[in-house]
Amino acid sequence: MKKTYLLDINIVSEFVKDSPDMQVIDFYNAKRDLCAISAITWQEIIRGVTRMPECKKKNSLKKFIESLEDNIEVISYDKYAAQICGEIQAAAEKDGKSVPYYDSQIVATAVSNGMVLVTHNTSDFEQFKEKTFLRLEDWFTA
């Protein structure tokens, strides 16, 4: 089944909070078969947990990562996404702007796969909508 929604890290992090936003959880549960994360988000998750000191929370997050790996598709950052990312970055530079590198890779992954980027940080991604076919959703406010 083709994935429709690319979840940003601030959506995925709701899955492990003691008091998650239930609207986000409900949206995910209703659309879980259509959801994926980018390889960039996977990298952010691994980096965050690996940097943590050994503790009970880190062990819990390691178990979460194992569960996540078994239950959600990770969309690769491929040649087509890299091309889109390069075009996004060059267009921003022509306009005298800089764009966050990881954000531009996540946007390129969503655009190259025809996916909706689901994030709570829509303001971080609005600038990309001017130069791409990026579609955004915020399940916190939907």
Protein backbone atom coordinates (compact mmCIF):
# COMPACT_ATOMS: atom_id res chain seq x y z
CA MET A 1 0.00 0.00 0.00
CA LYS A 2 1.35 3.42 -0.96
CA LYS A 3 2.17 5.58 2.01
CA THR A 4 0.46 8.98 2.11
CA TYR A 5 1.71 10.60 5.32
CA LEU A 6 5.33 11.32 6.21
CA LEU A 7 5.54 11.86 9.97
CA ASP A 8 7.97 14.41 11.37
CA ILE A 9 9.83 13.67 14.58
CA ASN A 10 7.48 15.81 16.70
CA ILE A 11 4.62 13.52 15.69
CA VAL A 12 6.55 10.31 16.35
CA SER A 13 7.68 11.60 19.74
CA GLU A 14 4.04 11.71 20.88
CA PHE A 15 4.07 7.89 20.84
CA VAL A 16 6.44 7.76 23.82
CA LYS A 17 5.20 10.65 25.95
CA ASP A 18 3.63 9.96 29.32
CA SER A 19 0.74 12.25 28.34
CA PRO A 20 0.56 12.24 24.55
CA ASP A 21 -1.81 14.45 22.60
CA MET A 22 -4.68 12.02 22.09
CA GLN A 23 -5.85 13.74 18.91
CA VAL A 24 -2.47 12.97 17.32
CA ILE A 25 -2.61 9.37 18.56
CA ASP A 26 -6.17 8.97 17.23
CA PHE A 27 -5.20 10.39 13.82
CA TYR A 28 -2.24 8.01 13.68
CA ASN A 29 -4.32 5.00 14.69
CA ALA A 30 -6.91 5.82 12.03
CA LYS A 31 -4.25 6.24 9.32
CA ARG A 32 -1.42 4.00 10.51
CA ASP A 33 -1.33 1.92 7.31
CA LEU A 34 -0.76 5.11 5.31
CA CYS A 35 2.05 6.47 7.52
CA ALA A 36 5.82 6.34 7.20
CA ILE A 37 8.85 8.27 8.42
CA SER A 38 11.82 9.51 6.45
CA ALA A 39 15.32 8.10 6.77
CA ILE A 40 16.22 11.57 8.07
CA THR A 41 13.69 11.29 10.92
CA TRP A 42 14.98 7.78 11.64
CA GLN A 43 18.49 9.26 11.90
CA GLU A 44 17.24 11.95 14.30
CA ILE A 45 15.63 9.32 16.52
CA ILE A 46 18.71 7.09 16.58
CA ARG A 47 21.02 10.04 17.24
CA GLY A 48 18.86 11.33 20.08
CA VAL A 49 18.65 8.00 21.87
CA THR A 50 22.31 7.12 21.29
CA ARG A 51 23.44 10.42 22.82
CA MET A 52 21.49 9.79 26.02
CA PRO A 53 23.31 8.55 29.11
CA GLU A 54 22.49 5.00 30.15
CA CYS A 55 19.29 5.11 32.18
CA LYS A 56 15.84 3.60 32.46
CA LYS A 57 14.39 6.07 29.94
CA LYS A 58 17.06 5.22 27.36
CA ASN A 59 16.28 1.52 27.71
CA SER A 60 12.59 2.28 27.26
CA LEU A 61 13.32 4.34 24.14
CA LYS A 62 15.47 1.53 22.71
CA LYS A 63 12.46 -0.78 23.02
CA PHE A 64 10.33 1.87 21.34
CA ILE A 65 12.82 2.05 18.44
CA GLU A 66 12.62 -1.72 17.99
CA SER A 67 8.84 -1.53 17.93
CA LEU A 68 8.89 1.44 15.57
CA GLU A 69 11.25 -0.36 13.21
CA ASP A 70 8.84 -3.29 13.04
CA ASN A 71 5.72 -1.16 12.62
CA ILE A 72 6.45 1.76 10.34
CA GLU A 73 8.08 2.05 6.95
CA VAL A 74 11.20 4.19 6.65
CA ILE A 75 11.29 6.04 3.33
CA SER A 76 14.78 6.30 1.86
CA TYR A 77 16.43 9.55 0.90
CA ASP A 78 17.15 8.66 -2.71
CA LYS A 79 18.54 10.26 -5.85
CA TYR A 80 15.24 11.94 -6.77
CA ALA A 81 14.83 13.38 -3.27
CA ALA A 82 18.45 14.58 -3.37
CA GLN A 83 17.77 16.36 -6.67
CA ILE A 84 14.70 18.10 -5.24
CA CYS A 85 16.64 18.99 -2.09
CA GLY A 86 19.44 20.53 -4.14
CA GLU A 87 16.93 22.56 -6.14
CA ILE A 88 15.21 23.75 -2.95
CA GLN A 89 18.49 24.81 -1.39
CA ALA A 90 19.70 26.57 -4.55
CA ALA A 91 16.41 28.46 -4.93
CA ALA A 92 16.59 29.60 -1.31
CA GLU A 93 20.20 30.74 -1.76
CA LYS A 94 19.22 32.74 -4.88
CA ASP A 95 16.65 34.50 -2.68
CA GLY A 96 19.30 35.19 -0.04
CA LYS A 97 17.78 32.72 2.40
CA SER A 98 19.17 29.66 4.07
CA VAL A 99 17.14 26.57 4.77
CA PRO A 100 17.83 24.01 7.49
CA TYR A 101 19.58 21.05 5.90
CA TYR A 102 17.60 18.26 7.60
CA ASP A 103 14.30 20.05 7.03
CA SER A 104 15.05 20.43 3.33
CA GLN A 105 15.84 16.68 3.11
CA ILE A 106 12.57 15.79 4.85
CA VAL A 107 10.64 18.12 2.54
CA ALA A 108 12.36 16.62 -0.51
CA THR A 109 11.49 13.11 0.68
CA ALA A 110 7.82 14.08 1.09
CA VAL A 111 7.65 15.86 -2.27
CA SER A 112 9.52 13.17 -4.21
CA ASN A 113 7.14 10.53 -2.88
CA GLY A 114 3.96 12.60 -3.24
CA MET A 115 3.36 12.50 0.52
CA VAL A 116 1.82 14.90 3.00
CA LEU A 117 4.31 16.01 5.65
CA VAL A 118 2.68 15.77 9.08
CA THR A 119 4.31 18.08 11.61
CA HIS A 120 3.45 20.33 14.50
CA ASN A 121 6.11 22.79 13.29
CA THR A 122 4.26 23.93 10.19
CA SER A 123 5.86 27.38 10.43
CA ASP A 124 9.30 25.76 9.97
CA PHE A 125 8.14 24.30 6.66
CA GLU A 126 5.95 27.09 5.24
CA GLN A 127 8.91 28.59 3.37
CA PHE A 128 9.26 25.36 1.39
CA LYS A 129 5.71 25.57 0.07
CA GLU A 130 6.70 28.57 -2.07
CA LYS A 131 9.24 26.50 -4.06
CA THR A 132 7.73 23.00 -4.05
CA PHE A 133 4.51 21.03 -4.10
CA LEU A 134 4.79 20.42 -0.36
CA ARG A 135 1.55 19.62 1.44
CA LEU A 136 1.45 20.00 5.23
CA GLU A 137 -0.87 18.79 7.99
CA ASP A 138 -0.76 19.46 11.71
CA TRP A 139 -2.60 16.73 13.57
CA PHE A 140 -2.42 18.77 16.77
CA THR A 141 -4.76 21.38 15.32
CA ALA A 142 -6.73 19.43 12.68
